[in-house]
Full PDB file with SEQRES, HELIX, SHEET, SSBOND, CRYST1, ORIGX, SCALE, CONECT and MASTER records, all heavy atoms in Angstrom:
SEQRES   1 A   42  GLN ALA VAL VAL TRP VAL ASP ASP GLU ARG GLY VAL GLU          
SEQRES   2 A   42  VAL ALA ARG ARG CYS ARG GLY HIS GLY LEU PRO VAL HIS          
SEQRES   3 A   42  THR VAL GLY THR THR ARG ASP ALA ASP HIS ARG LEU SER          
SEQRES   4 A   42  ALA PHE GLU                                                  
HELIX    1 AA1 GLU A    9  HIS A   21  1                                  13    
SHEET    1 AA1 3 ALA A   2  TRP A   5  0                                        
SHEET    2 AA1 3 VAL A  25  GLY A  29  1                                        
SHEET    3 AA1 3 HIS A  36  ARG A  37  1                                        
CRYST1    1.000    1.000    1.000  90.00  90.00  90.00 P 1           1          
ORIGX1      1.000000  0.000000  0.000000        0.00000                         
ORIGX2      0.000000  1.000000  0.000000        0.00000                         
ORIGX3      0.000000  0.000000  1.000000        0.00000                         
SCALE1      1.000000  0.000000  0.000000        0.00000                         
SCALE2      0.000000  1.000000  0.000000        0.00000                         
SCALE3      0.000000  0.000000  1.000000        0.00000                         
ATOM      1  N   GLN A   1      12.158   5.640  -0.289  1.00  0.00           N  
ATOM      2  CA  GLN A   1      11.107   4.747  -0.762  1.00  0.00           C  
ATOM      3  C   GLN A   1      10.172   4.449   0.400  1.00  0.00           C  
ATOM      4  O   GLN A   1      10.625   4.307   1.545  1.00  0.00           O  
ATOM      5  CB  GLN A   1      11.675   3.428  -1.282  1.00  0.00           C  
ATOM      6  CG  GLN A   1      12.611   3.543  -2.460  1.00  0.00           C  
ATOM      7  CD  GLN A   1      12.982   2.166  -2.983  1.00  0.00           C  
ATOM      8  OE1 GLN A   1      12.223   1.508  -3.676  1.00  0.00           O  
ATOM      9  NE2 GLN A   1      14.174   1.722  -2.639  1.00  0.00           N  
ATOM     10  N   ALA A   2       8.890   4.307   0.103  1.00  0.00           N  
ATOM     11  CA  ALA A   2       7.895   4.003   1.137  1.00  0.00           C  
ATOM     12  C   ALA A   2       7.245   2.653   0.860  1.00  0.00           C  
ATOM     13  O   ALA A   2       7.012   2.285  -0.292  1.00  0.00           O  
ATOM     14  CB  ALA A   2       6.828   5.087   1.180  1.00  0.00           C  
ATOM     15  N   VAL A   3       6.948   1.932   1.950  1.00  0.00           N  
ATOM     16  CA  VAL A   3       6.185   0.681   1.895  1.00  0.00           C  
ATOM     17  C   VAL A   3       4.979   0.878   2.804  1.00  0.00           C  
ATOM     18  O   VAL A   3       5.135   1.278   3.968  1.00  0.00           O  
ATOM     19  CB  VAL A   3       7.038  -0.520   2.351  1.00  0.00           C  
ATOM     20  CG1 VAL A   3       6.189  -1.774   2.464  1.00  0.00           C  
ATOM     21  CG2 VAL A   3       8.208  -0.742   1.397  1.00  0.00           C  
ATOM     22  N   VAL A   4       3.771   0.617   2.289  1.00  0.00           N  
ATOM     23  CA  VAL A   4       2.563   0.971   3.032  1.00  0.00           C  
ATOM     24  C   VAL A   4       1.565  -0.185   2.999  1.00  0.00           C  
ATOM     25  O   VAL A   4       1.268  -0.738   1.933  1.00  0.00           O  
ATOM     26  CB  VAL A   4       1.906   2.237   2.434  1.00  0.00           C  
ATOM     27  CG1 VAL A   4       0.649   2.606   3.221  1.00  0.00           C  
ATOM     28  CG2 VAL A   4       2.888   3.409   2.428  1.00  0.00           C  
ATOM     29  N   TRP A   5       1.036  -0.531   4.182  1.00  0.00           N  
ATOM     30  CA  TRP A   5      -0.028  -1.531   4.291  1.00  0.00           C  
ATOM     31  C   TRP A   5      -1.350  -0.830   3.997  1.00  0.00           C  
ATOM     32  O   TRP A   5      -1.794   0.024   4.764  1.00  0.00           O  
ATOM     33  CB  TRP A   5      -0.029  -2.149   5.686  1.00  0.00           C  
ATOM     34  CG  TRP A   5      -1.129  -3.147   5.908  1.00  0.00           C  
ATOM     35  CD1 TRP A   5      -2.260  -2.963   6.650  1.00  0.00           C  
ATOM     36  CD2 TRP A   5      -1.212  -4.473   5.385  1.00  0.00           C  
ATOM     37  NE1 TRP A   5      -3.042  -4.092   6.617  1.00  0.00           N  
ATOM     38  CE2 TRP A   5      -2.430  -5.039   5.849  1.00  0.00           C  
ATOM     39  CE3 TRP A   5      -0.385  -5.240   4.564  1.00  0.00           C  
ATOM     40  CZ2 TRP A   5      -2.828  -6.330   5.528  1.00  0.00           C  
ATOM     41  CZ3 TRP A   5      -0.780  -6.532   4.242  1.00  0.00           C  
ATOM     42  CH2 TRP A   5      -1.978  -7.066   4.721  1.00  0.00           C  
ATOM     43  N   VAL A   6      -1.997  -1.198   2.884  1.00  0.00           N  
ATOM     44  CA  VAL A   6      -3.164  -0.449   2.427  1.00  0.00           C  
ATOM     45  C   VAL A   6      -4.489  -1.120   2.756  1.00  0.00           C  
ATOM     46  O   VAL A   6      -5.547  -0.625   2.329  1.00  0.00           O  
ATOM     47  CB  VAL A   6      -3.074  -0.152   0.912  1.00  0.00           C  
ATOM     48  CG1 VAL A   6      -1.977   0.865   0.641  1.00  0.00           C  
ATOM     49  CG2 VAL A   6      -2.851  -1.434   0.105  1.00  0.00           C  
ATOM     50  N   ASP A   7      -4.480  -2.204   3.550  1.00  0.00           N  
ATOM     51  CA  ASP A   7      -5.749  -2.686   4.098  1.00  0.00           C  
ATOM     52  C   ASP A   7      -6.240  -1.756   5.199  1.00  0.00           C  
ATOM     53  O   ASP A   7      -7.407  -1.796   5.582  1.00  0.00           O  
ATOM     54  CB  ASP A   7      -5.606  -4.112   4.654  1.00  0.00           C  
ATOM     55  CG  ASP A   7      -5.672  -5.161   3.558  1.00  0.00           C  
ATOM     56  OD1 ASP A   7      -5.432  -4.809   2.386  1.00  0.00           O  
ATOM     57  OD2 ASP A   7      -5.944  -6.334   3.866  1.00  0.00           O  
ATOM     58  N   ASP A   8      -5.349  -0.949   5.734  1.00  0.00           N  
ATOM     59  CA  ASP A   8      -5.692   0.078   6.715  1.00  0.00           C  
ATOM     60  C   ASP A   8      -6.058   1.348   5.959  1.00  0.00           C  
ATOM     61  O   ASP A   8      -5.303   1.821   5.095  1.00  0.00           O  
ATOM     62  CB  ASP A   8      -4.492   0.323   7.636  1.00  0.00           C  
ATOM     63  CG  ASP A   8      -4.783   1.276   8.771  1.00  0.00           C  
ATOM     64  OD1 ASP A   8      -4.994   2.472   8.491  1.00  0.00           O  
ATOM     65  OD2 ASP A   8      -4.795   0.831   9.931  1.00  0.00           O  
ATOM     66  N   GLU A   9      -7.217   1.941   6.282  1.00  0.00           N  
ATOM     67  CA  GLU A   9      -7.659   3.121   5.534  1.00  0.00           C  
ATOM     68  C   GLU A   9      -6.689   4.278   5.674  1.00  0.00           C  
ATOM     69  O   GLU A   9      -6.547   5.102   4.750  1.00  0.00           O  
ATOM     70  CB  GLU A   9      -9.061   3.531   5.978  1.00  0.00           C  
ATOM     71  CG  GLU A   9      -9.162   3.984   7.427  1.00  0.00           C  
ATOM     72  CD  GLU A   9     -10.590   4.401   7.786  1.00  0.00           C  
ATOM     73  OE1 GLU A   9     -11.441   4.379   6.890  1.00  0.00           O  
ATOM     74  OE2 GLU A   9     -10.825   4.745   8.967  1.00  0.00           O  
ATOM     75  N   ARG A  10      -6.012   4.356   6.796  1.00  0.00           N  
ATOM     76  CA  ARG A  10      -5.022   5.423   6.942  1.00  0.00           C  
ATOM     77  C   ARG A  10      -3.803   5.145   6.059  1.00  0.00           C  
ATOM     78  O   ARG A  10      -3.128   6.061   5.603  1.00  0.00           O  
ATOM     79  CB  ARG A  10      -4.597   5.549   8.401  1.00  0.00           C  
ATOM     80  CG  ARG A  10      -5.732   5.960   9.322  1.00  0.00           C  
ATOM     81  CD  ARG A  10      -6.185   7.394   9.085  1.00  0.00           C  
ATOM     82  NE  ARG A  10      -7.048   7.859  10.153  1.00  0.00           N  
ATOM     83  CZ  ARG A  10      -7.247   9.124  10.466  1.00  0.00           C  
ATOM     84  NH1 ARG A  10      -6.667  10.072   9.777  1.00  0.00           N  
ATOM     85  NH2 ARG A  10      -8.051   9.450  11.458  1.00  0.00           N  
ATOM     86  N   GLY A  11      -3.511   3.858   5.835  1.00  0.00           N  
ATOM     87  CA  GLY A  11      -2.443   3.508   4.910  1.00  0.00           C  
ATOM     88  C   GLY A  11      -2.758   3.940   3.491  1.00  0.00           C  
ATOM     89  O   GLY A  11      -1.871   4.401   2.748  1.00  0.00           O  
ATOM     90  N   VAL A  12      -4.022   3.818   3.080  1.00  0.00           N  
ATOM     91  CA  VAL A  12      -4.448   4.292   1.758  1.00  0.00           C  
ATOM     92  C   VAL A  12      -4.163   5.778   1.623  1.00  0.00           C  
ATOM     93  O   VAL A  12      -3.666   6.251   0.586  1.00  0.00           O  
ATOM     94  CB  VAL A  12      -5.948   3.997   1.537  1.00  0.00           C  
ATOM     95  CG1 VAL A  12      -6.424   4.627   0.232  1.00  0.00           C  
ATOM     96  CG2 VAL A  12      -6.200   2.489   1.530  1.00  0.00           C  
ATOM     97  N   GLU A  13      -4.427   6.538   2.689  1.00  0.00           N  
ATOM     98  CA  GLU A  13      -4.173   7.973   2.668  1.00  0.00           C  
ATOM     99  C   GLU A  13      -2.677   8.270   2.599  1.00  0.00           C  
ATOM    100  O   GLU A  13      -2.247   9.180   1.865  1.00  0.00           O  
ATOM    101  CB  GLU A  13      -4.800   8.638   3.892  1.00  0.00           C  
ATOM    102  CG  GLU A  13      -4.478  10.111   4.086  1.00  0.00           C  
ATOM    103  CD  GLU A  13      -4.967  11.001   2.946  1.00  0.00           C  
ATOM    104  OE1 GLU A  13      -5.811  10.546   2.137  1.00  0.00           O  
ATOM    105  OE2 GLU A  13      -4.493  12.154   2.861  1.00  0.00           O  
ATOM    106  N   VAL A  14      -1.874   7.512   3.358  1.00  0.00           N  
ATOM    107  CA  VAL A  14      -0.422   7.716   3.306  1.00  0.00           C  
ATOM    108  C   VAL A  14       0.096   7.435   1.903  1.00  0.00           C  
ATOM    109  O   VAL A  14       0.912   8.201   1.357  1.00  0.00           O  
ATOM    110  CB  VAL A  14       0.285   6.825   4.348  1.00  0.00           C  
ATOM    111  CG1 VAL A  14       1.803   6.829   4.123  1.00  0.00           C  
ATOM    112  CG2 VAL A  14      -0.022   7.300   5.767  1.00  0.00           C  
ATOM    113  N   ALA A  15      -0.364   6.348   1.288  1.00  0.00           N  
ATOM    114  CA  ALA A  15       0.081   6.016  -0.064  1.00  0.00           C  
ATOM    115  C   ALA A  15      -0.309   7.113  -1.048  1.00  0.00           C  
ATOM    116  O   ALA A  15       0.474   7.489  -1.943  1.00  0.00           O  
ATOM    117  CB  ALA A  15      -0.506   4.672  -0.496  1.00  0.00           C  
ATOM    118  N   ARG A  16      -1.515   7.653  -0.897  1.00  0.00           N  
ATOM    119  CA  ARG A  16      -1.968   8.739  -1.776  1.00  0.00           C  
ATOM    120  C   ARG A  16      -1.058   9.956  -1.640  1.00  0.00           C  
ATOM    121  O   ARG A  16      -0.659  10.572  -2.639  1.00  0.00           O  
ATOM    122  CB  ARG A  16      -3.409   9.114  -1.429  1.00  0.00           C  
ATOM    123  CG  ARG A  16      -4.026  10.136  -2.365  1.00  0.00           C  
ATOM    124  CD  ARG A  16      -5.337  10.685  -1.840  1.00  0.00           C  
ATOM    125  NE  ARG A  16      -5.159  11.503  -0.643  1.00  0.00           N  
ATOM    126  CZ  ARG A  16      -4.702  12.754  -0.659  1.00  0.00           C  
ATOM    127  NH1 ARG A  16      -4.355  13.330  -1.816  1.00  0.00           N  
ATOM    128  NH2 ARG A  16      -4.573  13.440   0.462  1.00  0.00           N  
ATOM    129  N   ARG A  17      -0.713  10.284  -0.398  1.00  0.00           N  
ATOM    130  CA  ARG A  17       0.160  11.441  -0.178  1.00  0.00           C  
ATOM    131  C   ARG A  17       1.552  11.195  -0.752  1.00  0.00           C  
ATOM    132  O   ARG A  17       2.179  12.113  -1.297  1.00  0.00           O  
ATOM    133  CB  ARG A  17       0.248  11.757   1.311  1.00  0.00           C  
ATOM    134  CG  ARG A  17      -1.064  12.225   1.913  1.00  0.00           C  
ATOM    135  CD  ARG A  17      -0.863  12.668   3.362  1.00  0.00           C  
ATOM    136  NE  ARG A  17      -2.132  12.935   4.024  1.00  0.00           N  
ATOM    137  CZ  ARG A  17      -2.234  13.464   5.245  1.00  0.00           C  
ATOM    138  NH1 ARG A  17      -1.133  13.771   5.935  1.00  0.00           N  
ATOM    139  NH2 ARG A  17      -3.416  13.676   5.787  1.00  0.00           N  
ATOM    140  N   CYS A  18       2.058   9.972  -0.610  1.00  0.00           N  
ATOM    141  CA  CYS A  18       3.376   9.654  -1.174  1.00  0.00           C  
ATOM    142  C   CYS A  18       3.388   9.903  -2.675  1.00  0.00           C  
ATOM    143  O   CYS A  18       4.320  10.518  -3.216  1.00  0.00           O  
ATOM    144  CB  CYS A  18       3.745   8.200  -0.887  1.00  0.00           C  
ATOM    145  SG  CYS A  18       4.166   7.831   0.828  1.00  0.00           S  
ATOM    146  N   ARG A  19       2.355   9.435  -3.354  1.00  0.00           N  
ATOM    147  CA  ARG A  19       2.284   9.641  -4.805  1.00  0.00           C  
ATOM    148  C   ARG A  19       2.210  11.128  -5.125  1.00  0.00           C  
ATOM    149  O   ARG A  19       2.834  11.597  -6.096  1.00  0.00           O  
ATOM    150  CB  ARG A  19       1.080   8.904  -5.371  1.00  0.00           C  
ATOM    151  CG  ARG A  19       1.164   7.386  -5.243  1.00  0.00           C  
ATOM    152  CD  ARG A  19       0.011   6.686  -5.955  1.00  0.00           C  
ATOM    153  NE  ARG A  19       0.015   5.257  -5.682  1.00  0.00           N  
ATOM    154  CZ  ARG A  19      -0.773   4.655  -4.790  1.00  0.00           C  
ATOM    155  NH1 ARG A  19      -1.660   5.379  -4.094  1.00  0.00           N  
ATOM    156  NH2 ARG A  19      -0.689   3.354  -4.596  1.00  0.00           N  
ATOM    157  N   GLY A  20       1.470  11.859  -4.327  1.00  0.00           N  
ATOM    158  CA  GLY A  20       1.379  13.299  -4.535  1.00  0.00           C  
ATOM    159  C   GLY A  20       2.714  13.998  -4.373  1.00  0.00           C  
ATOM    160  O   GLY A  20       2.992  15.000  -5.049  1.00  0.00           O  
ATOM    161  N   HIS A  21       3.567  13.467  -3.487  1.00  0.00           N  
ATOM    162  CA  HIS A  21       4.903  14.037  -3.271  1.00  0.00           C  
ATOM    163  C   HIS A  21       5.901  13.562  -4.321  1.00  0.00           C  
ATOM    164  O   HIS A  21       7.053  14.031  -4.330  1.00  0.00           O  
ATOM    165  CB  HIS A  21       5.454  13.622  -1.903  1.00  0.00           C  
ATOM    166  CG  HIS A  21       4.713  14.171  -0.728  1.00  0.00           C  
ATOM    167  ND1 HIS A  21       4.255  15.464  -0.673  1.00  0.00           N  
ATOM    168  CD2 HIS A  21       4.356  13.593   0.455  1.00  0.00           C  
ATOM    169  CE1 HIS A  21       3.657  15.675   0.493  1.00  0.00           C  
ATOM    170  NE2 HIS A  21       3.685  14.548   1.183  1.00  0.00           N  
ATOM    171  N   GLY A  22       5.501  12.609  -5.174  1.00  0.00           N  
ATOM    172  CA  GLY A  22       6.460  12.017  -6.101  1.00  0.00           C  
ATOM    173  C   GLY A  22       7.386  11.020  -5.438  1.00  0.00           C  
ATOM    174  O   GLY A  22       8.451  10.683  -5.981  1.00  0.00           O  
ATOM    175  N   LEU A  23       7.001  10.533  -4.264  1.00  0.00           N  
ATOM    176  CA  LEU A  23       7.816   9.582  -3.514  1.00  0.00           C  
ATOM    177  C   LEU A  23       7.480   8.160  -3.958  1.00  0.00           C  
ATOM    178  O   LEU A  23       6.308   7.778  -3.955  1.00  0.00           O  
ATOM    179  CB  LEU A  23       7.534   9.748  -2.017  1.00  0.00           C  
ATOM    180  CG  LEU A  23       8.247   8.820  -1.044  1.00  0.00           C  
ATOM    181  CD1 LEU A  23       9.750   9.062  -1.082  1.00  0.00           C  
ATOM    182  CD2 LEU A  23       7.726   9.053   0.373  1.00  0.00           C  
ATOM    183  N   PRO A  24       8.456   7.337  -4.352  1.00  0.00           N  
ATOM    184  CA  PRO A  24       8.168   5.960  -4.735  1.00  0.00           C  
ATOM    185  C   PRO A  24       7.497   5.208  -3.584  1.00  0.00           C  
ATOM    186  O   PRO A  24       8.003   5.194  -2.456  1.00  0.00           O  
ATOM    187  CB  PRO A  24       9.553   5.376  -5.031  1.00  0.00           C  
ATOM    188  CG  PRO A  24      10.406   6.551  -5.358  1.00  0.00           C  
ATOM    189  CD  PRO A  24       9.888   7.664  -4.508  1.00  0.00           C  
ATOM    190  N   VAL A  25       6.327   4.599  -3.851  1.00  0.00           N  
ATOM    191  CA  VAL A  25       5.580   3.904  -2.817  1.00  0.00           C  
ATOM    192  C   VAL A  25       5.226   2.516  -3.311  1.00  0.00           C  
ATOM    193  O   VAL A  25       4.831   2.330  -4.472  1.00  0.00           O  
ATOM    194  CB  VAL A  25       4.317   4.694  -2.398  1.00  0.00           C  
ATOM    195  CG1 VAL A  25       3.404   4.961  -3.591  1.00  0.00           C  
ATOM    196  CG2 VAL A  25       3.567   3.984  -1.297  1.00  0.00           C  
ATOM    197  N   HIS A  26       5.382   1.530  -2.427  1.00  0.00           N  
ATOM    198  CA  HIS A  26       5.116   0.132  -2.735  1.00  0.00           C  
ATOM    199  C   HIS A  26       4.059  -0.343  -1.751  1.00  0.00           C  
ATOM    200  O   HIS A  26       4.307  -0.392  -0.545  1.00  0.00           O  
ATOM    201  CB  HIS A  26       6.399  -0.689  -2.623  1.00  0.00           C  
ATOM    202  CG  HIS A  26       7.553  -0.049  -3.326  1.00  0.00           C  
ATOM    203  ND1 HIS A  26       7.758  -0.151  -4.682  1.00  0.00           N  
ATOM    204  CD2 HIS A  26       8.541   0.774  -2.858  1.00  0.00           C  
ATOM    205  CE1 HIS A  26       8.831   0.545  -5.026  1.00  0.00           C  
ATOM    206  NE2 HIS A  26       9.321   1.117  -3.929  1.00  0.00           N  
ATOM    207  N   THR A  27       2.880  -0.671  -2.260  1.00  0.00           N  
ATOM    208  CA  THR A  27       1.767  -1.012  -1.383  1.00  0.00           C  
ATOM    209  C   THR A  27       1.707  -2.513  -1.136  1.00  0.00           C  
ATOM    210  O   THR A  27       2.009  -3.322  -2.012  1.00  0.00           O  
ATOM    211  CB  THR A  27       0.439  -0.515  -1.970  1.00  0.00           C  
ATOM    212  OG1 THR A  27       0.231  -1.109  -3.263  1.00  0.00           O  
ATOM    213  CG2 THR A  27       0.446   0.997  -2.106  1.00  0.00           C  
ATOM    214  N   VAL A  28       1.280  -2.856   0.098  1.00  0.00           N  
ATOM    215  CA  VAL A  28       1.133  -4.253   0.512  1.00  0.00           C  
ATOM    216  C   VAL A  28      -0.268  -4.396   1.083  1.00  0.00           C  
ATOM    217  O   VAL A  28      -0.739  -3.529   1.840  1.00  0.00           O  
ATOM    218  CB  VAL A  28       2.188  -4.642   1.571  1.00  0.00           C  
ATOM    219  CG1 VAL A  28       2.136  -6.141   1.858  1.00  0.00           C  
ATOM    220  CG2 VAL A  28       3.592  -4.236   1.129  1.00  0.00           C  
ATOM    221  N   GLY A  29      -0.973  -5.472   0.732  1.00  0.00           N  
ATOM    222  CA  GLY A  29      -2.318  -5.688   1.245  1.00  0.00           C  
ATOM    223  C   GLY A  29      -2.880  -7.001   0.758  1.00  0.00           C  
ATOM    224  O   GLY A  29      -2.144  -7.853   0.224  1.00  0.00           O  
ATOM    225  N   THR A  30      -4.177  -7.169   0.917  1.00  0.00           N  
ATOM    226  CA  THR A  30      -4.825  -8.415   0.509  1.00  0.00           C  
ATOM    227  C   THR A  30      -5.679  -8.254  -0.746  1.00  0.00           C  
ATOM    228  O   THR A  30      -6.221  -9.237  -1.248  1.00  0.00           O  
ATOM    229  CB  THR A  30      -5.717  -8.953   1.647  1.00  0.00           C  
ATOM    230  OG1 THR A  30      -6.730  -7.984   1.941  1.00  0.00           O  
ATOM    231  CG2 THR A  30      -4.895  -9.229   2.895  1.00  0.00           C  
ATOM    232  N   THR A  31      -5.827  -7.042  -1.248  1.00  0.00           N  
ATOM    233  CA  THR A  31      -6.657  -6.814  -2.423  1.00  0.00           C  
ATOM    234  C   THR A  31      -5.801  -6.759  -3.684  1.00  0.00           C  
ATOM    235  O   THR A  31      -4.579  -6.573  -3.621  1.00  0.00           O  
ATOM    236  CB  THR A  31      -7.444  -5.496  -2.301  1.00  0.00           C  
ATOM    237  OG1 THR A  31      -6.521  -4.399  -2.372  1.00  0.00           O  
ATOM    238  CG2 THR A  31      -8.196  -5.438  -0.973  1.00  0.00           C  
ATOM    239  N   ARG A  32      -6.461  -6.884  -4.822  1.00  0.00           N  
ATOM    240  CA  ARG A  32      -5.734  -6.880  -6.100  1.00  0.00           C  
ATOM    241  C   ARG A  32      -5.119  -5.519  -6.401  1.00  0.00           C  
ATOM    242  O   ARG A  32      -4.227  -5.407  -7.253  1.00  0.00           O  
ATOM    243  CB  ARG A  32      -6.666  -7.308  -7.232  1.00  0.00           C  
ATOM    244  CG  ARG A  32      -7.101  -8.762  -7.121  1.00  0.00           C  
ATOM    245  CD  ARG A  32      -7.806  -9.244  -8.378  1.00  0.00           C  
ATOM    246  NE  ARG A  32      -8.184 -10.648  -8.241  1.00  0.00           N  
ATOM    247  CZ  ARG A  32      -7.371 -11.669  -8.464  1.00  0.00           C  
ATOM    248  NH1 ARG A  32      -6.125 -11.436  -8.837  1.00  0.00           N  
ATOM    249  NH2 ARG A  32      -7.782 -12.911  -8.319  1.00  0.00           N  
ATOM    250  N   ASP A  33      -5.591  -4.483  -5.723  1.00  0.00           N  
ATOM    251  CA  ASP A  33      -5.027  -3.156  -5.940  1.00  0.00           C  
ATOM    252  C   ASP A  33      -3.626  -3.015  -5.344  1.00  0.00           C  
ATOM    253  O   ASP A  33      -2.888  -2.094  -5.716  1.00  0.00           O  
ATOM    254  CB  ASP A  33      -5.939  -2.090  -5.327  1.00  0.00           C  
ATOM    255  CG  ASP A  33      -7.283  -2.006  -6.033  1.00  0.00           C  
ATOM    256  OD1 ASP A  33      -7.340  -2.386  -7.226  1.00  0.00           O  
ATOM    257  OD2 ASP A  33      -8.262  -1.573  -5.396  1.00  0.00           O  
ATOM    258  N   ALA A  34      -3.282  -3.903  -4.405  1.00  0.00           N  
ATOM    259  CA  ALA A  34      -1.970  -3.818  -3.752  1.00  0.00           C  
ATOM    260  C   ALA A  34      -0.870  -4.318  -4.697  1.00  0.00           C  
ATOM    261  O   ALA A  34      -1.053  -5.308  -5.407  1.00  0.00           O  
ATOM    262  CB  ALA A  34      -1.965  -4.634  -2.464  1.00  0.00           C  
ATOM    263  N   ASP A  35       0.266  -3.632  -4.684  1.00  0.00           N  
ATOM    264  CA  ASP A  35       1.408  -4.077  -5.490  1.00  0.00           C  
ATOM    265  C   ASP A  35       1.922  -5.438  -5.022  1.00  0.00           C  
ATOM    266  O   ASP A  35       2.367  -6.249  -5.829  1.00  0.00           O  
ATOM    267  CB  ASP A  35       2.564  -3.071  -5.387  1.00  0.00           C  
ATOM    268  CG  ASP A  35       2.161  -1.666  -5.777  1.00  0.00           C  
ATOM    269  OD1 ASP A  35       1.359  -1.528  -6.715  1.00  0.00           O  
ATOM    270  OD2 ASP A  35       2.649  -0.720  -5.125  1.00  0.00           O  
ATOM    271  N   HIS A  36       1.882  -5.645  -3.717  1.00  0.00           N  
ATOM    272  CA  HIS A  36       2.329  -6.899  -3.108  1.00  0.00           C  
ATOM    273  C   HIS A  36       1.129  -7.473  -2.358  1.00  0.00           C  
ATOM    274  O   HIS A  36       0.668  -6.867  -1.386  1.00  0.00           O  
ATOM    275  CB  HIS A  36       3.494  -6.653  -2.147  1.00  0.00           C  
ATOM    276  CG  HIS A  36       4.712  -6.065  -2.811  1.00  0.00           C  
ATOM    277  ND1 HIS A  36       4.729  -4.776  -3.303  1.00  0.00           N  
ATOM    278  CD2 HIS A  36       5.939  -6.590  -3.063  1.00  0.00           C  
ATOM    279  CE1 HIS A  36       5.931  -4.534  -3.835  1.00  0.00           C  
ATOM    280  NE2 HIS A  36       6.670  -5.615  -3.698  1.00  0.00           N  
ATOM    281  N   ARG A  37       0.638  -8.624  -2.814  1.00  0.00           N  
ATOM    282  CA  ARG A  37      -0.629  -9.149  -2.282  1.00  0.00           C  
ATOM    283  C   ARG A  37      -0.368 -10.362  -1.397  1.00  0.00           C  
ATOM    284  O   ARG A  37       0.234 -11.347  -1.823  1.00  0.00           O  
ATOM    285  CB  ARG A  37      -1.578  -9.522  -3.415  1.00  0.00           C  
ATOM    286  CG  ARG A  37      -2.980  -9.890  -2.937  1.00  0.00           C  
ATOM    287  CD  ARG A  37      -3.977  -9.792  -4.079  1.00  0.00           C  
ATOM    288  NE  ARG A  37      -3.666 -10.723  -5.139  1.00  0.00           N  
ATOM    289  CZ  ARG A  37      -4.148 -11.973  -5.208  1.00  0.00           C  
ATOM    290  NH1 ARG A  37      -4.947 -12.416  -4.263  1.00  0.00           N  
ATOM    291  NH2 ARG A  37      -3.834 -12.747  -6.214  1.00  0.00           N  
ATOM    292  N   LEU A  38      -0.826 -10.252  -0.159  1.00  0.00           N  
ATOM    293  CA  LEU A  38      -0.636 -11.311   0.834  1.00  0.00           C  
ATOM    294  C   LEU A  38      -1.889 -12.184   0.867  1.00  0.00           C  
ATOM    295  O   LEU A  38      -3.006 -11.677   1.011  1.00  0.00           O  
ATOM    296  CB  LEU A  38      -0.383 -10.681   2.207  1.00  0.00           C  
ATOM    297  CG  LEU A  38      -0.042 -11.617   3.369  1.00  0.00           C  
ATOM    298  CD1 LEU A  38       1.246 -12.389   3.097  1.00  0.00           C  
ATOM    299  CD2 LEU A  38       0.083 -10.827   4.670  1.00  0.00           C  
ATOM    300  N   SER A  39      -1.703 -13.505   0.779  1.00  0.00           N  
ATOM    301  CA  SER A  39      -2.852 -14.408   0.750  1.00  0.00           C  
ATOM    302  C   SER A  39      -2.450 -15.780   1.269  1.00  0.00           C  
ATOM    303  O   SER A  39      -1.288 -16.024   1.608  1.00  0.00           O  
ATOM    304  CB  SER A  39      -3.396 -14.544  -0.686  1.00  0.00           C  
ATOM    305  OG  SER A  39      -2.415 -15.132  -1.529  1.00  0.00           O  
ATOM    306  N   ALA A  40      -3.445 -16.669   1.304  1.00  0.00           N  
ATOM    307  CA  ALA A  40      -3.253 -18.088   1.631  1.00  0.00           C  
ATOM    308  C   ALA A  40      -2.616 -18.283   3.001  1.00  0.00           C  
ATOM    309  O   ALA A  40      -1.825 -19.218   3.200  1.00  0.00           O  
ATOM    310  CB  ALA A  40      -2.419 -18.781   0.551  1.00  0.00           C  
ATOM    311  N   PHE A  41      -2.978 -17.418   3.959  1.00  0.00           N  
ATOM    312  CA  PHE A  41      -2.433 -17.590   5.311  1.00  0.00           C  
ATOM    313  C   PHE A  41      -3.008 -18.836   5.968  1.00  0.00           C  
ATOM    314  O   PHE A  41      -4.206 -19.112   5.883  1.00  0.00           O  
ATOM    315  CB  PHE A  41      -2.757 -16.379   6.182  1.00  0.00           C  
ATOM    316  CG  PHE A  41      -2.393 -16.582   7.630  1.00  0.00           C  
ATOM    317  CD1 PHE A  41      -1.074 -16.553   8.029  1.00  0.00           C  
ATOM    318  CD2 PHE A  41      -3.370 -16.831   8.587  1.00  0.00           C  
ATOM    319  CE1 PHE A  41      -0.726 -16.758   9.362  1.00  0.00           C  
ATOM    320  CE2 PHE A  41      -3.036 -17.037   9.917  1.00  0.00           C  
ATOM    321  CZ  PHE A  41      -1.712 -16.998  10.309  1.00  0.00           C  
ATOM    322  N   GLU A  42      -2.149 -19.591   6.635  1.00  0.00           N  
ATOM    323  CA  GLU A  42      -2.608 -20.709   7.443  1.00  0.00           C  
ATOM    324  C   GLU A  42      -1.713 -20.859   8.665  1.00  0.00           C  
ATOM    325  O   GLU A  42      -0.494 -20.714   8.569  1.00  0.00           O  
ATOM    326  CB  GLU A  42      -2.631 -22.012   6.647  1.00  0.00           C  
ATOM    327  CG  GLU A  42      -1.301 -22.422   6.044  1.00  0.00           C  
ATOM    328  CD  GLU A  42      -1.394 -23.750   5.305  1.00  0.00           C  
ATOM    329  OE1 GLU A  42      -2.227 -24.591   5.701  1.00  0.00           O  
ATOM    330  OE2 GLU A  42      -0.646 -23.946   4.339  1.00  0.00           O  
TER     331      GLU A  42                                                      
MASTER        0    0    0    1    3    0    0    6  330    1    0    4          
END                                                                             
C-alpha cells in the first residue's frame, strides 16, 4: 500500500503511477481531491 502527499507535484505523479500499477494508494493533502485532508492547523 502507498501513502502519498499530493500537495507536492511530484507526489501527484507518484500517485498516478501507483494507480497505473494497480497499487492501492491513499493520498494526503490540503485539497478536496485528497483522500485524507489536513486542515485547521494552528
